[in-house]
Each structure stands twice: as C-alpha cells, then as structure tokens.
Amino acid sequence: MPRVTRGNKKLLRRKKILKLAKGYFGAKRKNYRSAKESVEKALTYSYRDRRNRKRDFRKLWNIRIGAAVRKYDINYSKFIYGLKKADITLNRKILSNMAITEPDSFKEIVGKAKTYI
C-alpha cells in the first residue's frame, strides 16, 4: 500500500487553527498543539455562553424591574401577578427599558397592576 503524505491538507488544517488563535498570548498563538487546545476551549465557552447570555439578560431585567417597582411600594412578584391579571402583555425586556427611559409610563403600568392585586 502506498504511503500517503498529508502535504497540503495538513498545512491548511493547521493554518485554520492558528488563524483562530490569532491574538492569544505567547505559545497559545504560535504552537499548533497549544493553539488547538486553546481554540477548542474557547469555542466550547462561546457555545455555552451564547445560551447563558439569555439567562443573564433575563436576570438583569428582573432585577431592574424589581428595583423600579419598589419605589411604588410593591414587590416584583406581586407586580408580575398584577400585570397578568390586568392582561398587560409586555415582556420583561420592554418593562426594564421602560423603567429606565420612561418612568412616567412605567408608573401608570404599575398603577394598573396594583389595582388587580
């Protein structure tokens, strides 16, 4: 059986990994093995954190809404319950943004939610 030299394919594969490792510090950028390990780990983290980002933002919105409704003597869970009863369908992202940028409109929404508690 003839011997196969990997020539071009091997070079291209290594080049791809080293290109992905651009900007890493020291050997992680220059040595293929170190670069490969670092790139693999980085890609794993990026995959995982694309999912975690969604959780983190929802947590942030909940905290912001909770802080905003405490000014009006109501807690977060009662506020959300009141919104559901009042049939107001605004998502947490919008509510959080409203609490920061449009406090007057947010105050009205809190008032409506309070009537249903």
N, C-alpha and C. Protein backbone atom coordinates (compact mmCIF):
# COMPACT_ATOMS: atom_id res chain seq x y z
N MET A 1 0.84 -1.18 0.00
CA MET A 1 0.00 0.00 0.00
C MET A 1 0.89 1.25 0.00
N PRO A 2 0.63 2.22 -0.88
CA PRO A 2 1.48 3.40 -0.96
C PRO A 2 1.31 4.31 0.27
N ARG A 3 2.39 4.98 0.58
CA ARG A 3 2.37 5.89 1.72
C ARG A 3 1.70 7.20 1.31
N VAL A 4 0.86 7.71 2.21
CA VAL A 4 0.16 8.97 1.91
C VAL A 4 0.85 10.10 2.64
N THR A 5 1.29 11.10 1.89
CA THR A 5 1.82 12.30 2.52
C THR A 5 0.66 13.28 2.64
N ARG A 6 0.53 13.92 3.76
CA ARG A 6 -0.65 14.73 4.00
C ARG A 6 -0.50 16.16 3.45
N GLY A 7 0.71 16.50 3.09
CA GLY A 7 1.04 17.77 2.44
C GLY A 7 0.11 18.94 2.69
N ASN A 8 -0.66 19.27 1.69
CA ASN A 8 -1.48 20.48 1.68
C ASN A 8 -2.58 20.45 2.73
N LYS A 9 -3.25 19.33 2.88
CA LYS A 9 -4.36 19.22 3.83
C LYS A 9 -3.89 19.51 5.26
N LYS A 10 -2.76 18.93 5.61
CA LYS A 10 -2.22 19.11 6.95
C LYS A 10 -1.90 20.59 7.20
N LEU A 11 -1.27 21.20 6.21
CA LEU A 11 -0.91 22.61 6.32
C LEU A 11 -2.15 23.48 6.47
N LEU A 12 -3.16 23.21 5.65
CA LEU A 12 -4.38 24.01 5.70
C LEU A 12 -5.12 23.86 7.03
N ARG A 13 -5.13 22.64 7.56
CA ARG A 13 -5.79 22.40 8.84
C ARG A 13 -5.10 23.18 9.95
N ARG A 14 -3.76 23.14 9.95
CA ARG A 14 -3.01 23.85 10.97
C ARG A 14 -3.16 25.36 10.82
N LYS A 15 -3.18 25.80 9.59
CA LYS A 15 -3.31 27.22 9.31
C LYS A 15 -4.65 27.75 9.84
N LYS A 16 -5.69 26.94 9.67
CA LYS A 16 -7.03 27.32 10.13
C LYS A 16 -7.05 27.51 11.65
N ILE A 17 -6.45 26.57 12.36
CA ILE A 17 -6.40 26.65 13.83
C ILE A 17 -5.57 27.85 14.27
N LEU A 18 -4.41 28.05 13.65
CA LEU A 18 -3.55 29.17 14.03
C LEU A 18 -4.20 30.51 13.72
N LYS A 19 -5.01 30.54 12.68
CA LYS A 19 -5.74 31.77 12.36
C LYS A 19 -6.77 32.07 13.45
N LEU A 20 -7.45 31.03 13.94
CA LEU A 20 -8.43 31.20 15.02
C LEU A 20 -7.76 31.63 16.32
N ALA A 21 -6.48 31.24 16.49
CA ALA A 21 -5.75 31.56 17.72
C ALA A 21 -5.08 32.93 17.66
N LYS A 22 -5.34 33.67 16.61
CA LYS A 22 -4.72 34.99 16.46
C LYS A 22 -5.15 35.88 17.63
N GLY A 23 -4.18 36.55 18.24
CA GLY A 23 -4.47 37.42 19.37
C GLY A 23 -4.27 36.75 20.71
N TYR A 24 -4.03 35.46 20.75
CA TYR A 24 -3.75 34.77 22.01
C TYR A 24 -2.32 35.10 22.44
N PHE A 25 -2.02 34.86 23.71
CA PHE A 25 -0.73 35.25 24.28
C PHE A 25 0.29 34.12 24.16
N GLY A 26 1.50 34.46 23.73
CA GLY A 26 2.63 33.54 23.74
C GLY A 26 2.44 32.30 22.90
N ALA A 27 2.75 31.14 23.51
CA ALA A 27 2.74 29.86 22.79
C ALA A 27 1.33 29.49 22.31
N LYS A 28 0.32 30.02 22.97
CA LYS A 28 -1.05 29.69 22.56
C LYS A 28 -1.35 30.21 21.16
N ARG A 29 -0.54 31.15 20.72
CA ARG A 29 -0.73 31.70 19.38
C ARG A 29 0.17 31.00 18.35
N LYS A 30 1.36 30.55 18.81
CA LYS A 30 2.37 30.09 17.86
C LYS A 30 2.49 28.58 17.74
N ASN A 31 2.37 27.86 18.84
CA ASN A 31 2.50 26.40 18.80
C ASN A 31 1.16 25.78 18.42
N TYR A 32 1.20 24.89 17.48
CA TYR A 32 -0.04 24.29 16.99
C TYR A 32 -0.81 23.58 18.10
N ARG A 33 -0.11 22.78 18.89
CA ARG A 33 -0.79 22.00 19.93
C ARG A 33 -1.46 22.91 20.96
N SER A 34 -0.72 23.89 21.44
CA SER A 34 -1.27 24.83 22.42
C SER A 34 -2.42 25.62 21.82
N ALA A 35 -2.22 26.04 20.57
CA ALA A 35 -3.26 26.82 19.88
C ALA A 35 -4.52 25.99 19.73
N LYS A 36 -4.35 24.72 19.35
CA LYS A 36 -5.51 23.85 19.15
C LYS A 36 -6.30 23.68 20.44
N GLU A 37 -5.58 23.45 21.56
CA GLU A 37 -6.25 23.29 22.85
C GLU A 37 -6.99 24.56 23.24
N SER A 38 -6.34 25.70 23.05
CA SER A 38 -6.94 26.98 23.42
C SER A 38 -8.17 27.29 22.58
N VAL A 39 -8.05 27.04 21.29
CA VAL A 39 -9.16 27.32 20.38
C VAL A 39 -10.34 26.41 20.70
N GLU A 40 -10.05 25.15 20.96
CA GLU A 40 -11.11 24.19 21.31
C GLU A 40 -11.86 24.66 22.55
N LYS A 41 -11.11 25.05 23.56
CA LYS A 41 -11.72 25.52 24.81
C LYS A 41 -12.53 26.79 24.58
N ALA A 42 -11.96 27.70 23.79
CA ALA A 42 -12.64 28.97 23.52
C ALA A 42 -13.95 28.73 22.78
N LEU A 43 -13.95 27.82 21.82
CA LEU A 43 -15.17 27.53 21.07
C LEU A 43 -16.22 26.87 21.96
N THR A 44 -15.77 26.04 22.91
CA THR A 44 -16.68 25.43 23.86
C THR A 44 -17.33 26.49 24.73
N TYR A 45 -16.52 27.43 25.22
CA TYR A 45 -17.05 28.51 26.05
C TYR A 45 -18.03 29.37 25.27
N SER A 46 -17.69 29.67 24.03
CA SER A 46 -18.56 30.55 23.26
C SER A 46 -19.91 29.88 22.98
N TYR A 47 -19.88 28.57 22.74
CA TYR A 47 -21.13 27.83 22.53
C TYR A 47 -21.98 27.87 23.79
N ARG A 48 -21.34 27.57 24.93
CA ARG A 48 -22.06 27.54 26.21
C ARG A 48 -22.61 28.93 26.56
N ASP A 49 -21.78 29.95 26.37
CA ASP A 49 -22.16 31.28 26.81
C ASP A 49 -23.17 31.97 25.92
N ARG A 50 -23.32 31.50 24.70
CA ARG A 50 -24.43 32.02 23.88
C ARG A 50 -25.76 31.65 24.51
N ARG A 51 -25.80 30.51 25.17
CA ARG A 51 -27.02 30.10 25.87
C ARG A 51 -27.15 30.81 27.22
N ASN A 52 -26.02 30.96 27.90
CA ASN A 52 -26.05 31.61 29.22
C ASN A 52 -26.39 33.09 29.13
N ARG A 53 -26.04 33.72 28.00
CA ARG A 53 -26.33 35.14 27.82
C ARG A 53 -27.82 35.42 27.98
N LYS A 54 -28.64 34.52 27.47
CA LYS A 54 -30.09 34.68 27.55
C LYS A 54 -30.55 34.66 29.00
N ARG A 55 -29.97 33.76 29.80
CA ARG A 55 -30.30 33.69 31.23
C ARG A 55 -29.87 34.97 31.93
N ASP A 56 -28.65 35.41 31.63
CA ASP A 56 -28.09 36.57 32.31
C ASP A 56 -28.92 37.83 32.06
N PHE A 57 -29.34 38.00 30.81
CA PHE A 57 -30.14 39.18 30.49
C PHE A 57 -31.49 39.13 31.18
N ARG A 58 -32.11 37.95 31.22
CA ARG A 58 -33.41 37.85 31.91
C ARG A 58 -33.26 38.18 33.40
N LYS A 59 -32.17 37.70 34.01
CA LYS A 59 -31.91 38.03 35.42
C LYS A 59 -31.77 39.54 35.60
N LEU A 60 -31.01 40.17 34.70
CA LEU A 60 -30.79 41.61 34.78
C LEU A 60 -32.10 42.37 34.67
N TRP A 61 -32.95 41.97 33.70
CA TRP A 61 -34.24 42.64 33.53
C TRP A 61 -35.09 42.50 34.78
N ASN A 62 -35.11 41.30 35.37
CA ASN A 62 -35.90 41.07 36.58
C ASN A 62 -35.42 41.95 37.72
N ILE A 63 -34.11 42.06 37.88
CA ILE A 63 -33.55 42.90 38.94
C ILE A 63 -33.91 44.36 38.74
N ARG A 64 -33.82 44.82 37.50
CA ARG A 64 -34.16 46.22 37.19
C ARG A 64 -35.63 46.51 37.46
N ILE A 65 -36.49 45.59 37.03
CA ILE A 65 -37.93 45.77 37.25
C ILE A 65 -38.22 45.78 38.75
N GLY A 66 -37.62 44.83 39.46
CA GLY A 66 -37.81 44.76 40.91
C GLY A 66 -37.40 46.04 41.61
N ALA A 67 -36.26 46.60 41.22
CA ALA A 67 -35.78 47.85 41.81
C ALA A 67 -36.71 49.01 41.48
N ALA A 68 -37.23 49.01 40.26
CA ALA A 68 -38.11 50.11 39.83
C ALA A 68 -39.46 50.06 40.53
N VAL A 69 -40.02 48.87 40.74
CA VAL A 69 -41.36 48.80 41.36
C VAL A 69 -41.30 48.99 42.87
N ARG A 70 -40.14 48.79 43.48
CA ARG A 70 -40.02 49.01 44.93
C ARG A 70 -40.27 50.46 45.31
N LYS A 71 -40.04 51.38 44.36
CA LYS A 71 -40.32 52.80 44.61
C LYS A 71 -41.81 53.03 44.86
N TYR A 72 -42.62 52.16 44.27
CA TYR A 72 -44.08 52.31 44.36
C TYR A 72 -44.70 51.34 45.37
N ASP A 73 -43.91 50.92 46.36
CA ASP A 73 -44.36 50.04 47.46
C ASP A 73 -45.01 48.75 46.98
N ILE A 74 -44.34 48.07 46.10
CA ILE A 74 -44.82 46.78 45.60
C ILE A 74 -43.59 45.95 45.28
N ASN A 75 -43.69 44.66 45.43
CA ASN A 75 -42.52 43.84 45.07
C ASN A 75 -42.69 43.25 43.67
N TYR A 76 -41.62 42.65 43.19
CA TYR A 76 -41.57 42.15 41.80
C TYR A 76 -42.65 41.12 41.52
N SER A 77 -42.79 40.13 42.40
CA SER A 77 -43.72 39.04 42.12
C SER A 77 -45.17 39.52 42.09
N LYS A 78 -45.51 40.43 43.00
CA LYS A 78 -46.87 40.98 43.00
C LYS A 78 -47.13 41.83 41.77
N PHE A 79 -46.09 42.53 41.33
CA PHE A 79 -46.20 43.35 40.12
C PHE A 79 -46.48 42.47 38.90
N ILE A 80 -45.74 41.40 38.76
CA ILE A 80 -45.92 40.49 37.62
C ILE A 80 -47.31 39.84 37.68
N TYR A 81 -47.72 39.46 38.90
CA TYR A 81 -49.06 38.88 39.08
C TYR A 81 -50.14 39.88 38.67
N GLY A 82 -49.97 41.13 39.10
CA GLY A 82 -50.92 42.19 38.74
C GLY A 82 -50.98 42.41 37.23
N LEU A 83 -49.83 42.35 36.56
CA LEU A 83 -49.79 42.51 35.10
C LEU A 83 -50.58 41.41 34.41
N LYS A 84 -50.41 40.18 34.90
CA LYS A 84 -51.12 39.05 34.30
C LYS A 84 -52.63 39.20 34.49
N LYS A 85 -53.02 39.62 35.69
CA LYS A 85 -54.44 39.81 35.99
C LYS A 85 -55.03 40.95 35.16
N ALA A 86 -54.24 42.01 34.96
CA ALA A 86 -54.68 43.17 34.19
C ALA A 86 -54.63 42.91 32.69
N ASP A 87 -54.11 41.74 32.32
CA ASP A 87 -53.98 41.35 30.91
C ASP A 87 -53.08 42.31 30.13
N ILE A 88 -52.00 42.70 30.77
CA ILE A 88 -50.98 43.54 30.11
C ILE A 88 -49.85 42.61 29.70
N THR A 89 -49.63 42.49 28.40
CA THR A 89 -48.63 41.54 27.90
C THR A 89 -47.40 42.29 27.38
N LEU A 90 -46.60 42.74 28.32
CA LEU A 90 -45.31 43.34 27.98
C LEU A 90 -44.22 42.42 28.52
N ASN A 91 -43.22 42.17 27.69
CA ASN A 91 -42.16 41.28 28.18
C ASN A 91 -41.21 42.03 29.10
N ARG A 92 -40.37 41.28 29.77
CA ARG A 92 -39.50 41.85 30.79
C ARG A 92 -38.47 42.81 30.22
N LYS A 93 -38.03 42.54 29.00
CA LYS A 93 -37.06 43.43 28.37
C LYS A 93 -37.66 44.83 28.19
N ILE A 94 -38.88 44.88 27.69
CA ILE A 94 -39.56 46.15 27.45
C ILE A 94 -39.84 46.86 28.78
N LEU A 95 -40.31 46.10 29.77
CA LEU A 95 -40.60 46.68 31.08
C LEU A 95 -39.35 47.28 31.71
N SER A 96 -38.24 46.55 31.60
CA SER A 96 -36.98 47.02 32.16
C SER A 96 -36.53 48.32 31.48
N ASN A 97 -36.65 48.33 30.18
CA ASN A 97 -36.25 49.52 29.42
C ASN A 97 -37.16 50.69 29.75
N MET A 98 -38.45 50.41 29.89
CA MET A 98 -39.42 51.45 30.24
C MET A 98 -39.11 52.06 31.60
N ALA A 99 -38.77 51.21 32.56
CA ALA A 99 -38.48 51.67 33.91
C ALA A 99 -37.33 52.67 33.91
N ILE A 100 -36.38 52.50 33.00
CA ILE A 100 -35.22 53.38 32.94
C ILE A 100 -35.50 54.63 32.11
N THR A 101 -36.05 54.43 30.91
CA THR A 101 -36.17 55.56 29.97
C THR A 101 -37.48 56.33 30.10
N GLU A 102 -38.57 55.66 30.47
CA GLU A 102 -39.88 56.33 30.55
C GLU A 102 -40.54 56.07 31.90
N PRO A 103 -40.07 56.73 32.95
CA PRO A 103 -40.60 56.45 34.29
C PRO A 103 -42.09 56.79 34.44
N ASP A 104 -42.58 57.79 33.70
CA ASP A 104 -44.00 58.17 33.82
C ASP A 104 -44.91 57.07 33.29
N SER A 105 -44.57 56.53 32.13
CA SER A 105 -45.35 55.43 31.56
C SER A 105 -45.28 54.20 32.45
N PHE A 106 -44.11 53.95 32.99
CA PHE A 106 -43.93 52.80 33.87
C PHE A 106 -44.78 52.95 35.12
N LYS A 107 -44.87 54.18 35.64
CA LYS A 107 -45.68 54.45 36.83
C LYS A 107 -47.14 54.11 36.57
N GLU A 108 -47.63 54.45 35.39
CA GLU A 108 -49.02 54.13 35.02
C GLU A 108 -49.24 52.62 34.99
N ILE A 109 -48.29 51.90 34.41
CA ILE A 109 -48.40 50.44 34.34
C ILE A 109 -48.41 49.84 35.74
N VAL A 110 -47.55 50.38 36.61
CA VAL A 110 -47.52 49.89 38.00
C VAL A 110 -48.86 50.16 38.67
N GLY A 111 -49.42 51.34 38.41
CA GLY A 111 -50.73 51.69 38.98
C GLY A 111 -51.82 50.72 38.54
N LYS A 112 -51.82 50.37 37.27
CA LYS A 112 -52.81 49.41 36.75
C LYS A 112 -52.62 48.03 37.37
N ALA A 113 -51.36 47.64 37.50
CA ALA A 113 -51.07 46.32 38.08
C ALA A 113 -51.47 46.27 39.55
N LYS A 114 -51.32 47.41 40.25
CA LYS A 114 -51.66 47.47 41.68
C LYS A 114 -53.15 47.29 41.91
N THR A 115 -53.97 47.77 40.99
CA THR A 115 -55.43 47.66 41.17
C THR A 115 -55.90 46.21 41.15
N TYR A 116 -55.15 45.33 40.53
CA TYR A 116 -55.56 43.93 40.40
C TYR A 116 -54.96 43.02 41.48
N ILE A 117 -54.22 43.60 42.42
CA ILE A 117 -53.60 42.76 43.46
C ILE A 117 -54.60 42.55 44.60
